[in-house]
Amino acid sequence: MVTANRYTFSTRNQQDGESSFDYINALQILADKCQFQGFLEEALRDRLIAGILKTRQRLLAMVNPTYTRK
């Protein structure tokens, strides 16, 4: 089941009309089922960058972006 949950997580992209806030919440809910443990923040960061529609280029231009960056 972990493999299927990770597949769902890794293919989840932001939907048209979905706010960034809602997309991030959806990723967090999916990640809870993936047993990422010590890799959780990196997995969330990578999926956020790959799946977000409007700010991807800005995120990729950042030096060492983290999921918890404020």
PDB file of N, CA and C in Angstrom:
ATOM      1  N   MET A   1       0.812  -1.201   0.000  1.00  0.00           N
ATOM      2  CA  MET A   1       0.000   0.000   0.000  1.00  0.00           C
ATOM      3  C   MET A   1       0.856   1.266   0.000  1.00  0.00           C
ATOM      4  N   VAL A   2       2.022   1.200   0.634  1.00  0.00           N
ATOM      5  CA  VAL A   2       2.903   2.369   0.661  1.00  0.00           C
ATOM      6  C   VAL A   2       3.295   2.778  -0.757  1.00  0.00           C
ATOM      7  N   THR A   3       3.570   1.795  -1.598  1.00  0.00           N
ATOM      8  CA  THR A   3       3.963   2.101  -2.980  1.00  0.00           C
ATOM      9  C   THR A   3       2.845   2.839  -3.713  1.00  0.00           C
ATOM     10  N   ALA A   4       1.626   2.381  -3.565  1.00  0.00           N
ATOM     11  CA  ALA A   4       0.487   3.048  -4.208  1.00  0.00           C
ATOM     12  C   ALA A   4       0.291   4.457  -3.650  1.00  0.00           C
ATOM     13  N   ASN A   5       0.442   4.616  -2.339  1.00  0.00           N
ATOM     14  CA  ASN A   5       0.305   5.942  -1.726  1.00  0.00           C
ATOM     15  C   ASN A   5       1.399   6.885  -2.210  1.00  0.00           C
ATOM     16  N   ARG A   6       2.614   6.387  -2.337  1.00  0.00           N
ATOM     17  CA  ARG A   6       3.712   7.231  -2.831  1.00  0.00           C
ATOM     18  C   ARG A   6       3.504   7.599  -4.297  1.00  0.00           C
ATOM     19  N   TYR A   7       2.940   6.690  -5.064  1.00  0.00           N
ATOM     20  CA  TYR A   7       2.630   7.008  -6.461  1.00  0.00           C
ATOM     21  C   TYR A   7       1.603   8.140  -6.520  1.00  0.00           C
ATOM     22  N   THR A   8       0.549   8.034  -5.744  1.00  0.00           N
ATOM     23  CA  THR A   8      -0.475   9.080  -5.710  1.00  0.00           C
ATOM     24  C   THR A   8       0.138  10.414  -5.301  1.00  0.00           C
ATOM     25  N   PHE A   9       0.993  10.393  -4.278  1.00  0.00           N
ATOM     26  CA  PHE A   9       1.671  11.606  -3.824  1.00  0.00           C
ATOM     27  C   PHE A   9       2.548  12.184  -4.931  1.00  0.00           C
ATOM     28  N   SER A  10       3.340  11.330  -5.561  1.00  0.00           N
ATOM     29  CA  SER A  10       4.333  11.822  -6.526  1.00  0.00           C
ATOM     30  C   SER A  10       3.727  12.277  -7.847  1.00  0.00           C
ATOM     31  N   THR A  11       2.480  11.946  -8.079  1.00  0.00           N
ATOM     32  CA  THR A  11       1.827  12.399  -9.310  1.00  0.00           C
ATOM     33  C   THR A  11       0.793  13.494  -9.062  1.00  0.00           C
ATOM     34  N   ARG A  12       0.674  13.928  -7.816  1.00  0.00           N
ATOM     35  CA  ARG A  12      -0.333  14.956  -7.470  1.00  0.00           C
ATOM     36  C   ARG A  12       0.187  16.332  -7.847  1.00  0.00           C
ATOM     37  N   ASN A  13      -0.482  16.974  -8.779  1.00  0.00           N
ATOM     38  CA  ASN A  13      -0.153  18.330  -9.192  1.00  0.00           C
ATOM     39  C   ASN A  13      -1.269  19.269  -8.776  1.00  0.00           C
ATOM     40  N   GLN A  14      -0.937  20.527  -8.690  1.00  0.00           N
ATOM     41  CA  GLN A  14      -1.948  21.535  -8.390  1.00  0.00           C
ATOM     42  C   GLN A  14      -2.953  21.570  -9.534  1.00  0.00           C
ATOM     43  N   GLN A  15      -4.210  21.596  -9.201  1.00  0.00           N
ATOM     44  CA  GLN A  15      -5.285  21.617 -10.193  1.00  0.00           C
ATOM     45  C   GLN A  15      -5.620  23.055 -10.586  1.00  0.00           C
ATOM     46  N   ASP A  16      -6.132  23.231 -11.788  1.00  0.00           N
ATOM     47  CA  ASP A  16      -6.598  24.553 -12.204  1.00  0.00           C
ATOM     48  C   ASP A  16      -7.617  25.061 -11.197  1.00  0.00           C
ATOM     49  N   GLY A  17      -7.429  26.278 -10.731  1.00  0.00           N
ATOM     50  CA  GLY A  17      -8.348  26.878  -9.779  1.00  0.00           C
ATOM     51  C   GLY A  17      -8.092  26.506  -8.327  1.00  0.00           C
ATOM     52  N   GLU A  18      -7.174  25.588  -8.075  1.00  0.00           N
ATOM     53  CA  GLU A  18      -6.855  25.186  -6.702  1.00  0.00           C
ATOM     54  C   GLU A  18      -5.837  26.165  -6.116  1.00  0.00           C
ATOM     55  N   SER A  19      -6.111  26.672  -4.946  1.00  0.00           N
ATOM     56  CA  SER A  19      -5.181  27.614  -4.326  1.00  0.00           C
ATOM     57  C   SER A  19      -3.903  26.890  -3.896  1.00  0.00           C
ATOM     58  N   SER A  20      -2.829  27.641  -3.761  1.00  0.00           N
ATOM     59  CA  SER A  20      -1.564  27.068  -3.282  1.00  0.00           C
ATOM     60  C   SER A  20      -1.754  26.479  -1.895  1.00  0.00           C
ATOM     61  N   PHE A  21      -2.510  27.159  -1.055  1.00  0.00           N
ATOM     62  CA  PHE A  21      -2.786  26.682   0.299  1.00  0.00           C
ATOM     63  C   PHE A  21      -3.472  25.317   0.266  1.00  0.00           C
ATOM     64  N   ASP A  22      -4.491  25.189  -0.572  1.00  0.00           N
ATOM     65  CA  ASP A  22      -5.211  23.916  -0.670  1.00  0.00           C
ATOM     66  C   ASP A  22      -4.323  22.815  -1.240  1.00  0.00           C
ATOM     67  N   TYR A  23      -3.476  23.163  -2.198  1.00  0.00           N
ATOM     68  CA  TYR A  23      -2.553  22.181  -2.779  1.00  0.00           C
ATOM     69  C   TYR A  23      -1.568  21.678  -1.730  1.00  0.00           C
ATOM     70  N   ILE A  24      -1.010  22.579  -0.950  1.00  0.00           N
ATOM     71  CA  ILE A  24      -0.064  22.193   0.095  1.00  0.00           C
ATOM     72  C   ILE A  24      -0.754  21.305   1.126  1.00  0.00           C
ATOM     73  N   ASN A  25      -1.962  21.650   1.524  1.00  0.00           N
ATOM     74  CA  ASN A  25      -2.714  20.814   2.470  1.00  0.00           C
ATOM     75  C   ASN A  25      -2.957  19.419   1.899  1.00  0.00           C
ATOM     76  N   ALA A  26      -3.311  19.349   0.626  1.00  0.00           N
ATOM     77  CA  ALA A  26      -3.545  18.048  -0.009  1.00  0.00           C
ATOM     78  C   ALA A  26      -2.267  17.212  -0.012  1.00  0.00           C
ATOM     79  N   LEU A  27      -1.122  17.852  -0.289  1.00  0.00           N
ATOM     80  CA  LEU A  27       0.157  17.127  -0.268  1.00  0.00           C
ATOM     81  C   LEU A  27       0.460  16.594   1.130  1.00  0.00           C
ATOM     82  N   GLN A  28       0.200  17.399   2.140  1.00  0.00           N
ATOM     83  CA  GLN A  28       0.470  16.959   3.511  1.00  0.00           C
ATOM     84  C   GLN A  28      -0.391  15.766   3.892  1.00  0.00           C
ATOM     85  N   ILE A  29      -1.643  15.781   3.486  1.00  0.00           N
ATOM     86  CA  ILE A  29      -2.539  14.657   3.772  1.00  0.00           C
ATOM     87  C   ILE A  29      -2.055  13.396   3.068  1.00  0.00           C
ATOM     88  N   LEU A  30      -1.676  13.531   1.802  1.00  0.00           N
ATOM     89  CA  LEU A  30      -1.160  12.372   1.061  1.00  0.00           C
ATOM     90  C   LEU A  30       0.148  11.865   1.666  1.00  0.00           C
ATOM     91  N   ALA A  31       1.015  12.779   2.067  1.00  0.00           N
ATOM     92  CA  ALA A  31       2.323  12.396   2.613  1.00  0.00           C
ATOM     93  C   ALA A  31       2.194  11.616   3.911  1.00  0.00           C
ATOM     94  N   ASP A  32       1.155  11.876   4.671  1.00  0.00           N
ATOM     95  CA  ASP A  32       0.945  11.155   5.931  1.00  0.00           C
ATOM     96  C   ASP A  32       0.816   9.650   5.720  1.00  0.00           C
ATOM     97  N   LYS A  33       0.408   9.241   4.534  1.00  0.00           N
ATOM     98  CA  LYS A  33       0.205   7.822   4.231  1.00  0.00           C
ATOM     99  C   LYS A  33       1.429   7.177   3.577  1.00  0.00           C
ATOM    100  N   CYS A  34       2.494   7.952   3.376  1.00  0.00           N
ATOM    101  CA  CYS A  34       3.632   7.481   2.572  1.00  0.00           C
ATOM    102  C   CYS A  34       4.815   6.949   3.376  1.00  0.00           C
ATOM    103  N   GLN A  35       4.802   7.102   4.670  1.00  0.00           N
ATOM    104  CA  GLN A  35       5.895   6.628   5.530  1.00  0.00           C
ATOM    105  C   GLN A  35       7.261   7.163   5.076  1.00  0.00           C
ATOM    106  N   PHE A  36       7.325   8.467   4.801  1.00  0.00           N
ATOM    107  CA  PHE A  36       8.580   9.084   4.384  1.00  0.00           C
ATOM    108  C   PHE A  36       9.578   9.223   5.533  1.00  0.00           C
ATOM    109  N   GLN A  37       9.100   9.298   6.763  1.00  0.00           N
ATOM    110  CA  GLN A  37       9.906   9.475   7.969  1.00  0.00           C
ATOM    111  C   GLN A  37      10.932  10.601   7.804  1.00  0.00           C
ATOM    112  N   GLY A  38      12.214  10.317   7.804  1.00  0.00           N
ATOM    113  CA  GLY A  38      13.250  11.346   7.739  1.00  0.00           C
ATOM    114  C   GLY A  38      13.335  12.071   6.413  1.00  0.00           C
ATOM    115  N   PHE A  39      12.618  11.608   5.418  1.00  0.00           N
ATOM    116  CA  PHE A  39      12.644  12.186   4.077  1.00  0.00           C
ATOM    117  C   PHE A  39      11.415  13.059   3.811  1.00  0.00           C
ATOM    118  N   LEU A  40      10.565  13.245   4.805  1.00  0.00           N
ATOM    119  CA  LEU A  40       9.289  13.924   4.618  1.00  0.00           C
ATOM    120  C   LEU A  40       9.432  15.346   4.077  1.00  0.00           C
ATOM    121  N   GLU A  41      10.231  16.174   4.715  1.00  0.00           N
ATOM    122  CA  GLU A  41      10.351  17.570   4.272  1.00  0.00           C
ATOM    123  C   GLU A  41      10.903  17.663   2.857  1.00  0.00           C
ATOM    124  N   GLU A  42      11.879  16.821   2.524  1.00  0.00           N
ATOM    125  CA  GLU A  42      12.436  16.848   1.176  1.00  0.00           C
ATOM    126  C   GLU A  42      11.414  16.375   0.148  1.00  0.00           C
ATOM    127  N   ALA A  43      10.648  15.357   0.481  1.00  0.00           N
ATOM    128  CA  ALA A  43       9.622  14.855  -0.433  1.00  0.00           C
ATOM    129  C   ALA A  43       8.556  15.920  -0.667  1.00  0.00           C
ATOM    130  N   LEU A  44       8.124  16.589   0.394  1.00  0.00           N
ATOM    131  CA  LEU A  44       7.132  17.658   0.262  1.00  0.00           C
ATOM    132  C   LEU A  44       7.675  18.815  -0.566  1.00  0.00           C
ATOM    133  N   ARG A  45       8.912  19.191  -0.304  1.00  0.00           N
ATOM    134  CA  ARG A  45       9.534  20.287  -1.062  1.00  0.00           C
ATOM    135  C   ARG A  45       9.594  19.948  -2.546  1.00  0.00           C
ATOM    136  N   ASP A  46      10.083  18.756  -2.855  1.00  0.00           N
ATOM    137  CA  ASP A  46      10.238  18.366  -4.255  1.00  0.00           C
ATOM    138  C   ASP A  46       8.900  18.282  -4.974  1.00  0.00           C
ATOM    139  N   ARG A  47       7.889  17.721  -4.315  1.00  0.00           N
ATOM    140  CA  ARG A  47       6.570  17.603  -4.943  1.00  0.00           C
ATOM    141  C   ARG A  47       5.918  18.967  -5.106  1.00  0.00           C
ATOM    142  N   LEU A  48       6.134  19.847  -4.133  1.00  0.00           N
ATOM    143  CA  LEU A  48       5.594  21.203  -4.221  1.00  0.00           C
ATOM    144  C   LEU A  48       6.187  21.923  -5.427  1.00  0.00           C
ATOM    145  N   ILE A  49       7.493  21.843  -5.590  1.00  0.00           N
ATOM    146  CA  ILE A  49       8.149  22.519  -6.715  1.00  0.00           C
ATOM    147  C   ILE A  49       7.688  21.923  -8.043  1.00  0.00           C
ATOM    148  N   ALA A  50       7.601  20.612  -8.112  1.00  0.00           N
ATOM    149  CA  ALA A  50       7.224  19.961  -9.366  1.00  0.00           C
ATOM    150  C   ALA A  50       5.752  20.148  -9.705  1.00  0.00           C
ATOM    151  N   GLY A  51       4.897  20.253  -8.697  1.00  0.00           N
ATOM    152  CA  GLY A  51       3.465  20.241  -8.952  1.00  0.00           C
ATOM    153  C   GLY A  51       2.755  21.567  -8.919  1.00  0.00           C
ATOM    154  N   ILE A  52       3.431  22.615  -8.440  1.00  0.00           N
ATOM    155  CA  ILE A  52       2.744  23.897  -8.318  1.00  0.00           C
ATOM    156  C   ILE A  52       2.756  24.619  -9.668  1.00  0.00           C
ATOM    157  N   LEU A  53       1.696  25.292  -9.980  1.00  0.00           N
ATOM    158  CA  LEU A  53       1.548  25.860 -11.315  1.00  0.00           C
ATOM    159  C   LEU A  53       2.229  27.215 -11.501  1.00  0.00           C
ATOM    160  N   LYS A  54       2.014  28.144 -10.606  1.00  0.00           N
ATOM    161  CA  LYS A  54       2.392  29.525 -10.899  1.00  0.00           C
ATOM    162  C   LYS A  54       3.759  29.953 -10.385  1.00  0.00           C
ATOM    163  N   THR A  55       4.282  29.339  -9.355  1.00  0.00           N
ATOM    164  CA  THR A  55       5.524  29.827  -8.749  1.00  0.00           C
ATOM    165  C   THR A  55       6.702  28.889  -8.950  1.00  0.00           C
ATOM    166  N   ARG A  56       6.577  27.901  -9.817  1.00  0.00           N
ATOM    167  CA  ARG A  56       7.631  26.907  -9.998  1.00  0.00           C
ATOM    168  C   ARG A  56       8.975  27.545 -10.353  1.00  0.00           C
ATOM    169  N   GLN A  57       9.002  28.452 -11.299  1.00  0.00           N
ATOM    170  CA  GLN A  57      10.267  29.053 -11.721  1.00  0.00           C
ATOM    171  C   GLN A  57      10.936  29.828 -10.589  1.00  0.00           C
ATOM    172  N   ARG A  58      10.143  30.518  -9.799  1.00  0.00           N
ATOM    173  CA  ARG A  58      10.693  31.259  -8.653  1.00  0.00           C
ATOM    174  C   ARG A  58      11.267  30.293  -7.621  1.00  0.00           C
ATOM    175  N   LEU A  59      10.576  29.195  -7.365  1.00  0.00           N
ATOM    176  CA  LEU A  59      11.068  28.204  -6.405  1.00  0.00           C
ATOM    177  C   LEU A  59      12.351  27.547  -6.900  1.00  0.00           C
ATOM    178  N   LEU A  60      12.424  27.254  -8.186  1.00  0.00           N
ATOM    179  CA  LEU A  60      13.623  26.623  -8.734  1.00  0.00           C
ATOM    180  C   LEU A  60      14.825  27.562  -8.717  1.00  0.00           C
ATOM    181  N   ALA A  61      14.582  28.856  -8.763  1.00  0.00           N
ATOM    182  CA  ALA A  61      15.673  29.828  -8.746  1.00  0.00           C
ATOM    183  C   ALA A  61      16.245  30.052  -7.348  1.00  0.00           C
ATOM    184  N   MET A  62      15.551  29.601  -6.331  1.00  0.00           N
ATOM    185  CA  MET A  62      16.012  29.785  -4.956  1.00  0.00           C
ATOM    186  C   MET A  62      17.215  28.886  -4.673  1.00  0.00           C
ATOM    187  N   VAL A  63      18.112  29.367  -3.852  1.00  0.00           N
ATOM    188  CA  VAL A  63      19.246  28.566  -3.414  1.00  0.00           C
ATOM    189  C   VAL A  63      18.803  27.739  -2.213  1.00  0.00           C
ATOM    190  N   ASN A  64      18.909  26.421  -2.308  1.00  0.00           N
ATOM    191  CA  ASN A  64      18.538  25.500  -1.242  1.00  0.00           C
ATOM    192  C   ASN A  64      17.150  25.763  -0.658  1.00  0.00           C
ATOM    193  N   PRO A  65      16.111  25.710  -1.475  1.00  0.00           N
ATOM    194  CA  PRO A  65      14.779  25.893  -0.905  1.00  0.00           C
ATOM    195  C   PRO A  65      14.436  24.725   0.025  1.00  0.00           C
ATOM    196  N   THR A  66      13.726  25.036   1.071  1.00  0.00           N
ATOM    197  CA  THR A  66      13.261  23.999   1.982  1.00  0.00           C
ATOM    198  C   THR A  66      11.756  24.091   2.077  1.00  0.00           C
ATOM    199  N   TYR A  67      11.157  23.027   2.512  1.00  0.00           N
ATOM    200  CA  TYR A  67       9.707  23.022   2.653  1.00  0.00           C
ATOM    201  C   TYR A  67       9.268  23.967   3.770  1.00  0.00           C
ATOM    202  N   THR A  68      10.091  24.120   4.796  1.00  0.00           N
ATOM    203  CA  THR A  68       9.711  24.925   5.959  1.00  0.00           C
ATOM    204  C   THR A  68      10.230  26.357   5.871  1.00  0.00           C
ATOM    205  N   ARG A  69      10.781  26.762   4.759  1.00  0.00           N
ATOM    206  CA  ARG A  69      11.307  28.124   4.624  1.00  0.00           C
ATOM    207  C   ARG A  69      10.216  29.138   4.881  1.00  0.00           C
ATOM    208  N   LYS A  70      10.547  30.175   5.652  1.00  0.00           N
ATOM    209  CA  LYS A  70       9.567  31.208   6.018  1.00  0.00           C
ATOM    210  C   LYS A  70       9.815  32.477   5.258  1.00  0.00           C
TER     211      LYS A  70
END
